[in-house]
Amino acid sequence: MLSIKLFIRLFVYSNNKKESRNITEGIVKPLNDYINKIKYKSNKPYWKIDGMYVVEIKIEFNDKLNQNKFNKFLKEISNNWLTLGMQDEELISSDTNFIELEMINIFFDYKSEIKLDCD
């Protein structure tokens, strides 16, 4: 069975925790059919910028998620991604298609079958 796990950190403009969680849910909504488990690790005000929250989530996907579906999800968030890490295990964008989303980091489990293919 395919095991795909992501850690996602979102920097969202929000007035409170509930709103920042709703924004996060809206951003990951296109992947809902492929999510086995989602866990909120953190949801707190960003100490550097008033009115911004940092939301951290871990997502485990089922085997229905493939590279094409994931690429489509990435393009819904942004057309400009930067890969980081020795094995390109991090994806980051600060030029997003969501007005509430300032920046997003996506960290891949190094064993993941899904790769950082956003071209």
Protein backbone atom coordinates (compact mmCIF):
# COMPACT_ATOMS: atom_id res chain seq x y z
CA MET A 1 0.00 0.00 0.00
CA LEU A 2 1.20 3.46 -0.91
CA SER A 3 2.11 5.59 2.10
CA ILE A 4 2.04 9.33 1.51
CA LYS A 5 2.55 11.66 4.46
CA LEU A 6 2.93 15.42 4.47
CA PHE A 7 3.59 18.06 7.09
CA ILE A 8 2.17 21.42 6.05
CA ARG A 9 2.80 24.80 7.67
CA LEU A 10 0.52 27.64 6.61
CA PHE A 11 0.85 31.32 7.45
CA VAL A 12 -2.68 32.71 7.23
CA TYR A 13 -4.24 36.10 7.87
CA SER A 14 -6.89 35.49 10.48
CA ASN A 15 -8.65 37.02 13.47
CA ASN A 16 -8.73 33.85 15.58
CA LYS A 17 -7.97 30.11 15.76
CA LYS A 18 -11.35 29.03 14.43
CA GLU A 19 -11.02 31.23 11.36
CA SER A 20 -7.45 30.09 10.69
CA ARG A 21 -8.59 26.45 10.89
CA ASN A 22 -11.46 27.17 8.46
CA ILE A 23 -9.02 28.78 6.03
CA THR A 24 -6.72 25.76 6.29
CA GLU A 25 -9.62 23.36 5.70
CA GLY A 26 -10.57 25.34 2.59
CA ILE A 27 -7.03 25.16 1.22
CA VAL A 28 -6.71 21.38 1.66
CA LYS A 29 -10.33 20.68 0.63
CA PRO A 30 -9.40 19.56 -2.92
CA LEU A 31 -7.52 16.64 -1.32
CA ASN A 32 -10.34 15.54 1.02
CA ASP A 33 -11.15 12.42 -1.03
CA TYR A 34 -7.57 11.23 -0.56
CA ILE A 35 -7.05 11.96 3.15
CA ASN A 36 -6.97 9.06 5.61
CA LYS A 37 -6.03 11.17 8.59
CA ILE A 38 -5.38 14.83 9.32
CA LYS A 39 -3.96 16.06 12.60
CA TYR A 40 -3.63 19.67 13.67
CA LYS A 41 -0.27 20.02 15.42
CA SER A 42 -0.42 23.77 16.04
CA ASN A 43 -2.65 26.76 15.44
CA LYS A 44 -1.39 29.94 17.05
CA PRO A 45 -0.76 33.62 16.39
CA TYR A 46 2.46 34.34 14.53
CA TRP A 47 4.66 36.31 16.86
CA LYS A 48 6.14 38.48 14.10
CA ILE A 49 2.95 39.72 12.44
CA ASP A 50 -0.29 40.82 14.08
CA GLY A 51 -3.36 39.27 12.48
CA MET A 52 -1.49 36.22 11.21
CA TYR A 53 -1.69 32.63 12.43
CA VAL A 54 0.66 29.70 11.87
CA VAL A 55 -1.22 26.46 11.33
CA GLU A 56 0.67 23.18 11.25
CA ILE A 57 -0.95 19.95 10.11
CA LYS A 58 0.09 16.39 9.37
CA ILE A 59 -1.78 14.58 6.63
CA GLU A 60 -1.74 10.90 5.76
CA PHE A 61 -3.21 10.02 2.37
CA ASN A 62 -4.83 6.92 0.92
CA ASP A 63 -3.57 5.19 -2.20
CA LYS A 64 -6.01 7.06 -4.48
CA LEU A 65 -3.76 10.13 -4.51
CA ASN A 66 -1.44 10.15 -7.50
CA GLN A 67 1.11 12.57 -8.91
CA ASN A 68 -1.32 14.22 -11.36
CA LYS A 69 -3.92 14.91 -8.66
CA PHE A 70 -1.26 16.28 -6.35
CA ASN A 71 0.16 18.54 -9.08
CA LYS A 72 -3.33 19.92 -9.69
CA PHE A 73 -3.63 20.68 -5.96
CA LEU A 74 -0.27 22.51 -5.99
CA LYS A 75 -1.33 24.64 -8.95
CA GLU A 76 -4.56 25.60 -7.17
CA ILE A 77 -2.44 27.02 -4.35
CA SER A 78 0.32 28.66 -6.40
CA ASN A 79 2.05 28.76 -9.76
CA ASN A 80 5.37 29.62 -8.12
CA TRP A 81 7.01 26.97 -5.95
CA LEU A 82 10.55 26.66 -4.66
CA THR A 83 12.02 23.29 -3.69
CA LEU A 84 14.40 23.02 -0.74
CA GLY A 85 16.36 20.26 0.94
CA MET A 86 18.95 17.69 -0.06
CA GLN A 87 16.34 15.52 -1.77
CA ASP A 88 13.86 18.29 -2.58
CA GLU A 89 11.78 17.27 0.41
CA GLU A 90 10.36 20.74 1.04
CA LEU A 91 8.16 22.89 -1.14
CA ILE A 92 7.54 26.55 -0.33
CA SER A 93 5.50 29.35 -1.85
CA SER A 94 4.81 32.91 -0.78
CA ASP A 95 3.04 33.83 -4.01
CA THR A 96 -0.30 32.12 -3.48
CA ASN A 97 -3.75 32.17 -5.07
CA PHE A 98 -5.46 32.61 -1.68
CA ILE A 99 -5.72 36.13 -0.32
CA GLU A 100 -5.65 34.79 3.28
CA LEU A 101 -2.54 32.67 2.68
CA GLU A 102 0.75 34.53 3.01
CA MET A 103 3.04 31.51 2.76
CA ILE A 104 2.92 27.71 2.75
CA ASN A 105 5.59 25.07 3.40
CA ILE A 106 4.97 21.46 2.44
CA PHE A 107 7.36 18.87 3.86
CA PHE A 108 7.45 15.40 2.34
CA ASP A 109 8.20 12.13 4.03
CA TYR A 110 11.40 11.09 2.28
CA LYS A 111 9.82 7.70 1.48
CA SER A 112 6.83 9.28 -0.23
CA GLU A 113 5.82 8.11 -3.69
CA ILE A 114 4.62 11.62 -4.49
CA LYS A 115 7.44 13.90 -5.58
CA LEU A 116 7.87 17.63 -5.85
CA ASP A 117 6.82 17.86 -9.46
CA CYS A 118 5.20 21.25 -9.88
CA ASP A 119 6.44 22.19 -13.34
